[in-house]
Every structure is written in structure tokens, then in C-alpha cells.
Amino acid sequence: MAKTKKLKITLVRSAISQKPAVVATVKSLGLRKINSSVEQNATPDILGKIRAVSHLVEVEEMK
């Protein structure tokens, strides 16, 4: 089985006053409060969600 990359996703801007779809995407990534972080595998669906909310999050590649 191929090893997938791990990503650390951090919410750096608030989702308040964003469209409901953007708020739902942030929640589906597991982010709740500003500066909260989660680790996710770099799958195509996660990468698409990150692309949709790229103006609100920072992403780092984990080792």
C-alpha cells in the first residue's frame, strides 16, 4: 500500500460572514476555532476542500 502524505491544516481566518458552503467545508475538515489544527491525509477530496477554503487556512506538509 502506498504511503500517503500527511498535511497539517490550520484555520487562520474566521469563517464568519462566509457563504454557508465555505463554513460547511471548514467544519468538514475538522476545524472549529481560529488557530485550531488538524492532521489529514493528502487525498484528492481533502486537497479539493483545502483549495476551496485556501483563503482561510494554512497548510504544512508533515514528515
N, C-alpha and C. Protein backbone atom coordinates (compact mmCIF):
# COMPACT_ATOMS: atom_id res chain seq x y z
N MET A 1 0.84 -1.17 0.00
CA MET A 1 0.00 0.00 0.00
C MET A 1 0.89 1.24 0.00
N ALA A 2 0.57 2.19 -0.85
CA ALA A 2 1.37 3.40 -0.97
C ALA A 2 1.16 4.29 0.25
N LYS A 3 2.25 4.93 0.66
CA LYS A 3 2.14 5.86 1.79
C LYS A 3 1.60 7.18 1.31
N THR A 4 0.60 7.69 2.01
CA THR A 4 0.06 8.99 1.65
C THR A 4 0.70 10.06 2.52
N LYS A 5 0.81 11.24 1.99
CA LYS A 5 1.39 12.35 2.73
C LYS A 5 0.39 12.82 3.79
N LYS A 6 0.93 13.32 4.89
CA LYS A 6 0.09 13.90 5.94
C LYS A 6 0.21 15.41 5.84
N LEU A 7 -0.91 16.09 6.04
CA LEU A 7 -0.95 17.54 6.00
C LEU A 7 -1.43 18.07 7.34
N LYS A 8 -0.83 19.16 7.79
CA LYS A 8 -1.30 19.86 8.97
C LYS A 8 -2.04 21.09 8.48
N ILE A 9 -3.34 21.17 8.76
CA ILE A 9 -4.20 22.25 8.30
C ILE A 9 -4.56 23.11 9.50
N THR A 10 -4.32 24.43 9.40
CA THR A 10 -4.59 25.35 10.49
C THR A 10 -5.53 26.44 10.00
N LEU A 11 -6.59 26.68 10.76
CA LEU A 11 -7.54 27.75 10.45
C LEU A 11 -6.95 29.07 10.95
N VAL A 12 -6.65 30.00 10.03
CA VAL A 12 -6.01 31.26 10.42
C VAL A 12 -6.94 32.46 10.29
N ARG A 13 -8.05 32.30 9.60
CA ARG A 13 -9.05 33.36 9.49
C ARG A 13 -10.42 32.78 9.82
N SER A 14 -11.28 33.63 10.32
CA SER A 14 -12.61 33.20 10.75
C SER A 14 -13.50 32.87 9.56
N ALA A 15 -14.41 31.93 9.76
CA ALA A 15 -15.37 31.57 8.73
C ALA A 15 -16.66 32.38 8.87
N ILE A 16 -16.69 33.30 9.84
CA ILE A 16 -17.86 34.17 10.00
C ILE A 16 -17.99 35.05 8.76
N SER A 17 -19.18 35.26 8.32
CA SER A 17 -19.56 36.05 7.14
C SER A 17 -19.11 35.42 5.83
N GLN A 18 -18.80 34.13 5.86
CA GLN A 18 -18.52 33.38 4.64
C GLN A 18 -19.82 32.71 4.18
N LYS A 19 -19.84 32.27 2.96
CA LYS A 19 -21.01 31.56 2.45
C LYS A 19 -21.18 30.25 3.22
N PRO A 20 -22.42 29.78 3.33
CA PRO A 20 -22.66 28.55 4.08
C PRO A 20 -21.87 27.34 3.57
N ALA A 21 -21.62 27.27 2.29
CA ALA A 21 -20.84 26.16 1.75
C ALA A 21 -19.40 26.20 2.24
N VAL A 22 -18.84 27.39 2.39
CA VAL A 22 -17.47 27.54 2.88
C VAL A 22 -17.42 27.15 4.36
N VAL A 23 -18.40 27.58 5.13
CA VAL A 23 -18.46 27.23 6.55
C VAL A 23 -18.56 25.72 6.71
N ALA A 24 -19.37 25.08 5.89
CA ALA A 24 -19.52 23.63 5.96
C ALA A 24 -18.23 22.91 5.58
N THR A 25 -17.50 23.45 4.63
CA THR A 25 -16.22 22.86 4.22
C THR A 25 -15.20 22.95 5.35
N VAL A 26 -15.16 24.08 6.03
CA VAL A 26 -14.24 24.25 7.16
C VAL A 26 -14.58 23.23 8.25
N LYS A 27 -15.86 23.07 8.54
CA LYS A 27 -16.28 22.09 9.57
C LYS A 27 -15.96 20.67 9.13
N SER A 28 -16.11 20.38 7.84
CA SER A 28 -15.85 19.01 7.37
C SER A 28 -14.36 18.67 7.42
N LEU A 29 -13.51 19.68 7.42
CA LEU A 29 -12.07 19.44 7.60
C LEU A 29 -11.73 19.19 9.06
N GLY A 30 -12.66 19.43 9.97
CA GLY A 30 -12.44 19.20 11.39
C GLY A 30 -11.95 20.43 12.12
N LEU A 31 -12.08 21.60 11.50
CA LEU A 31 -11.61 22.84 12.12
C LEU A 31 -12.77 23.54 12.79
N ARG A 32 -12.53 24.09 13.98
CA ARG A 32 -13.59 24.77 14.71
C ARG A 32 -13.25 26.21 15.01
N LYS A 33 -12.15 26.44 15.71
CA LYS A 33 -11.78 27.78 16.14
C LYS A 33 -10.54 28.25 15.40
N ILE A 34 -10.32 29.56 15.41
CA ILE A 34 -9.11 30.11 14.81
C ILE A 34 -7.90 29.52 15.53
N ASN A 35 -6.87 29.21 14.77
CA ASN A 35 -5.62 28.59 15.23
C ASN A 35 -5.79 27.13 15.63
N SER A 36 -6.94 26.53 15.37
CA SER A 36 -7.07 25.09 15.59
C SER A 36 -6.43 24.37 14.40
N SER A 37 -5.84 23.22 14.68
CA SER A 37 -5.14 22.46 13.65
C SER A 37 -5.62 21.03 13.64
N VAL A 38 -5.57 20.42 12.46
CA VAL A 38 -5.86 19.00 12.32
C VAL A 38 -4.83 18.40 11.37
N GLU A 39 -4.63 17.10 11.50
CA GLU A 39 -3.78 16.38 10.57
C GLU A 39 -4.67 15.51 9.70
N GLN A 40 -4.50 15.63 8.39
CA GLN A 40 -5.30 14.85 7.44
C GLN A 40 -4.36 14.21 6.43
N ASN A 41 -4.80 13.11 5.85
CA ASN A 41 -4.07 12.51 4.74
C ASN A 41 -4.30 13.35 3.49
N ALA A 42 -3.33 13.38 2.60
CA ALA A 42 -3.42 14.19 1.39
C ALA A 42 -4.16 13.42 0.29
N THR A 43 -5.44 13.21 0.49
CA THR A 43 -6.26 12.53 -0.51
C THR A 43 -6.88 13.57 -1.43
N PRO A 44 -7.33 13.18 -2.61
CA PRO A 44 -7.91 14.15 -3.55
C PRO A 44 -9.09 14.93 -2.98
N ASP A 45 -9.94 14.29 -2.18
CA ASP A 45 -11.08 15.03 -1.63
C ASP A 45 -10.65 16.06 -0.59
N ILE A 46 -9.66 15.74 0.23
CA ILE A 46 -9.14 16.70 1.21
C ILE A 46 -8.44 17.86 0.49
N LEU A 47 -7.68 17.56 -0.54
CA LEU A 47 -6.99 18.62 -1.30
C LEU A 47 -7.99 19.55 -1.96
N GLY A 48 -9.10 19.03 -2.43
CA GLY A 48 -10.14 19.86 -3.02
C GLY A 48 -10.79 20.77 -1.98
N LYS A 49 -11.01 20.24 -0.79
CA LYS A 49 -11.59 21.06 0.28
C LYS A 49 -10.62 22.17 0.69
N ILE A 50 -9.34 21.84 0.75
CA ILE A 50 -8.34 22.85 1.09
C ILE A 50 -8.31 23.94 0.03
N ARG A 51 -8.41 23.57 -1.23
CA ARG A 51 -8.42 24.54 -2.32
C ARG A 51 -9.63 25.47 -2.21
N ALA A 52 -10.76 24.94 -1.76
CA ALA A 52 -11.98 25.75 -1.65
C ALA A 52 -11.91 26.77 -0.52
N VAL A 53 -11.13 26.48 0.51
CA VAL A 53 -11.03 27.40 1.64
C VAL A 53 -9.60 27.89 1.84
N SER A 54 -8.84 27.96 0.78
CA SER A 54 -7.43 28.33 0.87
C SER A 54 -7.21 29.73 1.43
N HIS A 55 -8.21 30.59 1.31
CA HIS A 55 -8.09 31.95 1.84
C HIS A 55 -8.28 32.00 3.35
N LEU A 56 -8.66 30.88 3.97
CA LEU A 56 -8.89 30.84 5.41
C LEU A 56 -7.89 29.95 6.16
N VAL A 57 -7.16 29.11 5.45
CA VAL A 57 -6.30 28.12 6.11
C VAL A 57 -4.85 28.23 5.65
N GLU A 58 -3.97 27.66 6.48
CA GLU A 58 -2.57 27.44 6.12
C GLU A 58 -2.33 25.94 6.16
N VAL A 59 -1.51 25.47 5.22
CA VAL A 59 -1.26 24.03 5.12
C VAL A 59 0.24 23.78 5.18
N GLU A 60 0.64 22.82 5.99
CA GLU A 60 2.03 22.39 6.08
C GLU A 60 2.08 20.89 5.83
N GLU A 61 3.14 20.45 5.16
CA GLU A 61 3.33 19.03 4.93
C GLU A 61 4.07 18.44 6.14
N MET A 62 3.53 17.36 6.68
CA MET A 62 4.14 16.69 7.83
C MET A 62 5.17 15.69 7.33
N LYS A 63 6.12 15.38 8.19
CA LYS A 63 7.16 14.40 7.83
C LYS A 63 6.75 13.01 8.23
